[in-house]
Amino acid sequence: MTFKAMTLDVPLRSVEEEVTTFMNGLPCTGIDPFDRAFLYGDGFFTSILVREGRPLLWDHHLDRLTQGMRRLTLNAELAWIEAEVMRKSQLLINGILKVIISRGVGARGYLAPDQAAAIYIQLFPQRGALTSLEKQPIKSGILQGHLGQTIPQLAGLKTLNRLEQVILRQELATHGWVEALVCDVQGQIVEGVYSNCFFRVDGHWMTPPITLSGIQGVMRAEVMARMDKHQFPLRLESIHRDSLFKIEALFFCNALTGVVPASHLEDRLLDFEAVKSLTNLLF
């Protein structure tokens, strides 16, 4: 199945490209209306940046796939998925490869059938020059909308139910920011709309723990692993929105955009050099 792709929040290409979808390794011409991914959001996904036929941050994506299948009790062969991602990455060369795992077609009702999962892979090709790895700082702020809490079994997973992000993305557009901070129902900062966040307070770098709200991003995992490797201190802590003024430096990150520093937070100038110094150390 091919269709024209919508522009990404931080686009990796300047023109629309055709997107190809495969189901269980074969070209997909449509999705069954009884697919539980469509009916109930019964599944999860991961989006992978592909460069020169190689899926970047693959170990972290593989961990996400492993965790998602285990915690949602989805029946899929991980070795086959990995081999298929490698094959399709070679086909894509440069762009975004999205893996969607659905529980598959089932009868009406919540009770999940005991069957093999359906594996969808979408290829979003990128043409022309590749995006520079060095990101320009962005202006940001904090949204009024917030993230709800989820059950522990779903905590941190990138499930197919992303209605919170859909609503928050609409609010983000009204401000004209590229990305913004989002809090949970208690007012604690959790992440961005489509990114994780790291910030410095009183000279200490911290990132919010992903417990009952938010997504455990693969780039977040990579940054944390590199900080640990360099023995760079990091606190798994958050702050309340009322203490926003304490943030001295801030950056957002996800698998597609990499590390994106913030130059301003609610019109207040941040320490961009602190982010640049940290990223130079880690990358």
Protein backbone atom coordinates (compact mmCIF):
# COMPACT_ATOMS: atom_id res chain seq x y z
CA MET A 1 0.00 0.00 0.00
CA THR A 2 1.41 3.41 -0.92
CA PHE A 3 0.23 6.85 0.09
CA LYS A 4 1.64 10.34 0.50
CA ALA A 5 3.31 10.92 3.85
CA MET A 6 2.41 13.81 6.12
CA THR A 7 5.20 16.15 7.21
CA LEU A 8 6.98 15.05 10.37
CA ASP A 9 7.24 17.36 13.38
CA VAL A 10 10.96 17.72 12.67
CA PRO A 11 11.09 16.74 8.99
CA LEU A 12 13.93 14.64 7.63
CA ARG A 13 12.97 15.56 4.08
CA SER A 14 11.65 18.71 2.49
CA VAL A 15 9.32 17.07 -0.06
CA GLU A 16 6.64 14.40 0.20
CA GLU A 17 7.74 10.89 -0.68
CA GLU A 18 5.84 7.67 -1.27
CA VAL A 19 5.60 5.35 1.69
CA THR A 20 5.51 1.57 1.23
CA THR A 21 3.82 -0.75 3.74
CA PHE A 22 4.49 -4.46 4.21
CA MET A 23 2.56 -6.97 6.35
CA ASN A 24 4.41 -10.11 7.41
CA GLY A 25 7.04 -9.38 4.78
CA LEU A 26 4.71 -8.91 1.81
CA PRO A 27 3.44 -5.67 0.22
CA CYS A 28 0.25 -4.59 1.96
CA THR A 29 -2.74 -3.39 -0.09
CA GLY A 30 -5.06 -2.75 2.84
CA ILE A 31 -5.76 -3.35 6.52
CA ASP A 32 -8.53 -5.64 7.69
CA PRO A 33 -11.26 -3.67 9.54
CA PHE A 34 -11.16 -6.35 12.25
CA ASP A 35 -7.44 -5.90 12.90
CA ARG A 36 -7.21 -5.27 16.64
CA ALA A 37 -4.67 -2.51 16.03
CA PHE A 38 -7.51 -0.59 14.37
CA LEU A 39 -10.27 -1.69 16.75
CA TYR A 40 -8.52 -1.31 20.10
CA GLY A 41 -5.01 -0.01 19.52
CA ASP A 42 -3.93 -3.53 20.49
CA GLY A 43 -0.22 -3.38 19.76
CA PHE A 44 2.81 -1.09 19.77
CA PHE A 45 5.37 0.40 17.43
CA THR A 46 8.87 1.78 17.07
CA SER A 47 10.25 4.23 14.50
CA ILE A 48 13.85 3.71 13.36
CA LEU A 49 16.19 6.11 11.61
CA VAL A 50 18.00 4.31 8.77
CA ARG A 51 21.30 5.56 7.41
CA GLU A 52 23.11 3.89 4.47
CA GLY A 53 20.99 0.78 4.92
CA ARG A 54 21.71 0.49 8.65
CA PRO A 55 19.05 0.87 11.40
CA LEU A 56 20.49 3.24 14.00
CA LEU A 57 20.18 2.56 17.74
CA TRP A 58 19.06 -0.95 16.83
CA ASP A 59 19.97 -2.51 20.20
CA HIS A 60 17.59 -0.11 21.96
CA HIS A 61 14.84 -0.68 19.39
CA LEU A 62 15.32 -4.42 19.84
CA ASP A 63 14.90 -3.99 23.59
CA ARG A 64 11.70 -2.01 22.98
CA LEU A 65 10.36 -4.78 20.73
CA THR A 66 11.27 -7.43 23.30
CA GLN A 67 9.64 -5.52 26.16
CA GLY A 68 6.52 -4.73 24.15
CA MET A 69 5.91 -8.31 23.05
CA ARG A 70 6.52 -9.64 26.55
CA ARG A 71 4.38 -7.13 28.43
CA LEU A 72 1.51 -7.22 25.92
CA THR A 73 1.84 -11.03 25.50
CA LEU A 74 2.09 -10.73 21.72
CA ASN A 75 3.06 -13.84 19.79
CA ALA A 76 5.81 -12.88 17.32
CA GLU A 77 9.20 -14.28 16.36
CA LEU A 78 11.77 -11.67 17.30
CA ALA A 79 14.52 -13.20 15.14
CA TRP A 80 12.28 -12.94 12.06
CA ILE A 81 11.45 -9.30 12.85
CA GLU A 82 15.14 -8.46 13.22
CA ALA A 83 16.00 -10.13 9.92
CA GLU A 84 13.12 -8.36 8.18
CA VAL A 85 14.19 -4.97 9.57
CA MET A 86 17.69 -5.57 8.23
CA ARG A 87 16.35 -6.57 4.80
CA LYS A 88 14.01 -3.60 4.57
CA SER A 89 16.71 -1.20 5.81
CA GLN A 90 18.87 -2.28 2.87
CA LEU A 91 15.92 -1.59 0.59
CA LEU A 92 15.23 1.82 2.16
CA ILE A 93 18.88 3.02 2.29
CA ASN A 94 18.04 6.36 3.98
CA GLY A 95 14.87 7.36 5.78
CA ILE A 96 12.56 6.12 8.51
CA LEU A 97 11.50 2.51 9.05
CA LYS A 98 8.46 2.01 11.27
CA VAL A 99 7.65 -1.37 12.82
CA ILE A 100 4.04 -1.83 13.96
CA ILE A 101 3.11 -5.01 15.80
CA SER A 102 -0.61 -5.77 16.01
CA ARG A 103 -2.28 -8.68 17.74
CA GLY A 104 -3.92 -9.29 14.37
CA VAL A 105 -7.46 -9.91 13.22
CA GLY A 106 -9.94 -11.00 15.87
CA ALA A 107 -13.65 -11.26 16.58
CA ARG A 108 -15.57 -8.48 18.28
CA GLY A 109 -14.80 -8.16 21.99
CA TYR A 110 -11.82 -7.42 24.19
CA LEU A 111 -10.68 -11.01 24.75
CA ALA A 112 -7.49 -11.44 22.75
CA PRO A 113 -7.22 -14.43 20.39
CA ASP A 114 -4.33 -16.86 20.77
CA GLN A 115 -2.61 -16.37 17.44
CA ALA A 116 0.47 -15.00 15.73
CA ALA A 117 0.80 -11.23 15.69
CA ALA A 118 0.70 -9.22 12.46
CA ILE A 119 3.95 -7.40 11.68
CA TYR A 120 3.65 -4.21 9.65
CA ILE A 121 6.73 -2.37 8.35
CA GLN A 122 6.49 1.04 6.71
CA LEU A 123 9.32 2.63 4.72
CA PHE A 124 9.54 6.43 4.59
CA PRO A 125 12.36 7.17 2.13
CA GLN A 126 14.53 10.26 2.27
CA ARG A 127 15.85 11.78 -0.92
CA GLY A 128 18.63 14.29 -1.39
CA ALA A 129 21.14 15.51 1.18
CA LEU A 130 21.01 14.04 4.67
CA THR A 131 20.07 16.24 7.62
CA SER A 132 23.00 17.61 9.60
CA LEU A 133 23.64 15.85 12.91
CA GLU A 134 24.20 19.21 14.61
CA LYS A 135 20.80 20.57 15.55
CA GLN A 136 20.08 24.27 15.91
CA PRO A 137 18.66 25.32 19.31
CA ILE A 138 14.91 25.81 19.50
CA LYS A 139 12.58 27.99 21.54
CA SER A 140 10.34 26.03 23.87
CA GLY A 141 7.94 26.26 26.77
CA ILE A 142 5.52 24.19 28.83
CA LEU A 143 2.02 23.09 27.82
CA GLN A 144 -1.14 23.33 29.90
CA GLY A 145 -2.32 19.90 28.78
CA HIS A 146 -0.95 16.97 30.71
CA LEU A 147 -0.32 13.23 30.53
CA GLY A 148 -2.54 10.81 32.40
CA GLN A 149 -1.31 7.86 34.41
CA THR A 150 -1.37 4.34 33.01
CA ILE A 151 -1.28 0.87 34.53
CA PRO A 152 2.21 -0.46 35.38
CA GLN A 153 2.04 -3.10 32.62
CA LEU A 154 1.87 -0.32 30.00
CA ALA A 155 4.22 2.17 31.65
CA GLY A 156 6.84 3.43 29.22
CA LEU A 157 5.59 1.40 26.24
CA LYS A 158 4.98 3.05 22.86
CA THR A 159 1.56 1.52 22.38
CA LEU A 160 -0.68 2.26 19.40
CA ASN A 161 -2.91 4.47 21.56
CA ARG A 162 -1.28 7.90 21.24
CA LEU A 163 -4.36 10.10 21.70
CA GLU A 164 -2.62 12.08 24.44
CA GLN A 165 0.13 13.05 22.02
CA VAL A 166 -2.42 13.90 19.31
CA ILE A 167 -4.17 16.34 21.66
CA LEU A 168 -0.91 17.79 23.00
CA ARG A 169 0.44 18.23 19.46
CA GLN A 170 -2.57 20.43 18.67
CA GLU A 171 -1.80 22.63 21.67
CA LEU A 172 1.87 22.76 20.70
CA ALA A 173 0.92 24.09 17.26
CA THR A 174 -0.91 27.05 18.81
CA HIS A 175 2.36 28.24 20.38
CA GLY A 176 4.51 27.81 17.32
CA TRP A 177 7.16 25.89 19.26
CA VAL A 178 8.95 22.91 17.75
CA GLU A 179 8.70 21.00 21.04
CA ALA A 180 7.58 21.72 24.61
CA LEU A 181 7.59 20.21 28.07
CA VAL A 182 4.58 18.23 29.29
CA CYS A 183 3.61 17.38 32.88
CA ASP A 184 1.63 14.58 34.50
CA VAL A 185 -1.59 15.15 36.45
CA GLN A 186 0.46 16.08 39.55
CA GLY A 187 2.27 18.81 37.64
CA GLN A 188 5.60 16.97 37.47
CA ILE A 189 7.52 17.37 34.21
CA VAL A 190 7.63 14.04 32.31
CA GLU A 191 8.80 14.60 28.73
CA GLY A 192 8.09 16.53 25.53
CA VAL A 193 5.16 15.95 23.17
CA TYR A 194 7.16 13.53 21.02
CA SER A 195 10.56 13.51 22.75
CA ASN A 196 12.15 12.75 26.07
CA CYS A 197 13.86 15.58 27.92
CA PHE A 198 16.99 16.21 29.97
CA PHE A 199 17.55 19.39 31.96
CA ARG A 200 20.06 20.92 34.34
CA VAL A 201 19.02 22.31 37.72
CA ASP A 202 21.51 23.76 40.24
CA GLY A 203 24.36 22.42 38.11
CA HIS A 204 22.99 18.84 38.07
CA TRP A 205 21.70 17.06 34.96
CA MET A 206 18.50 15.08 35.41
CA THR A 207 15.84 13.33 33.37
CA PRO A 208 12.34 12.51 34.64
CA PRO A 209 11.71 8.88 35.60
CA ILE A 210 9.24 7.17 33.27
CA THR A 211 6.95 5.33 35.66
CA LEU A 212 3.21 5.90 35.26
CA SER A 213 3.38 8.47 32.44
CA GLY A 214 5.49 8.91 29.34
CA ILE A 215 7.49 6.76 26.92
CA GLN A 216 10.88 5.16 27.47
CA GLY A 217 12.53 6.47 24.33
CA VAL A 218 15.40 4.71 22.60
CA MET A 219 17.46 7.91 22.30
CA ARG A 220 16.88 8.56 26.00
CA ALA A 221 18.29 5.09 26.68
CA GLU A 222 21.30 5.83 24.47
CA VAL A 223 22.05 9.15 26.17
CA MET A 224 21.76 7.53 29.60
CA ALA A 225 24.06 4.67 28.54
CA ARG A 226 26.67 7.11 27.24
CA MET A 227 26.50 9.21 30.40
CA ASP A 228 27.01 6.07 32.46
CA LYS A 229 29.95 5.01 30.27
CA HIS A 230 31.61 8.39 30.79
CA GLN A 231 30.71 8.28 34.50
CA PHE A 232 28.82 11.53 34.03
CA PRO A 233 26.39 12.05 36.94
CA LEU A 234 22.69 11.94 36.08
CA ARG A 235 19.71 12.05 38.39
CA LEU A 236 16.42 10.30 37.64
CA GLU A 237 14.34 13.14 39.02
CA SER A 238 11.70 15.56 37.89
CA ILE A 239 10.57 18.97 39.04
CA HIS A 240 7.15 20.56 39.39
CA ARG A 241 5.96 23.01 36.77
CA ASP A 242 6.01 25.71 39.47
CA SER A 243 9.81 25.29 39.58
CA LEU A 244 10.26 25.74 35.84
CA PHE A 245 12.39 28.82 36.51
CA LYS A 246 15.07 26.56 38.05
CA ILE A 247 15.90 24.92 34.71
CA GLU A 248 19.25 26.27 33.52
CA ALA A 249 19.71 24.14 30.38
CA LEU A 250 17.44 21.80 28.44
CA PHE A 251 17.47 19.43 25.50
CA PHE A 252 14.96 17.09 23.90
CA CYS A 253 15.78 13.81 22.19
CA ASN A 254 14.23 10.99 20.21
CA ALA A 255 15.38 8.38 17.72
CA LEU A 256 14.52 10.46 14.65
CA THR A 257 15.71 13.93 15.64
CA GLY A 258 18.65 13.01 17.88
CA VAL A 259 19.55 15.63 20.51
CA VAL A 260 17.80 18.99 20.07
CA PRO A 261 18.92 21.76 22.48
CA ALA A 262 16.60 24.51 23.71
CA SER A 263 17.80 28.10 23.62
CA HIS A 264 14.77 29.58 25.40
CA LEU A 265 12.15 28.31 27.84
CA GLU A 266 9.05 30.48 28.17
CA ASP A 267 11.05 33.42 26.72
CA ARG A 268 13.84 32.90 29.27
CA LEU A 269 17.34 32.42 27.86
CA LEU A 270 18.90 29.03 28.64
CA ASP A 271 22.53 27.89 28.78
CA PHE A 272 22.93 26.42 25.31
CA GLU A 273 26.69 26.01 25.80
CA ALA A 274 26.05 23.55 28.64
CA VAL A 275 24.10 21.30 26.26
CA LYS A 276 26.75 21.67 23.57
CA SER A 277 29.49 20.73 26.04
CA LEU A 278 27.60 17.64 27.16
CA THR A 279 26.77 16.42 23.65
CA ASN A 280 30.38 16.96 22.54
CA LEU A 281 31.45 14.72 25.40
CA LEU A 282 28.90 12.00 24.68
CA PHE A 283 28.87 12.00 20.87
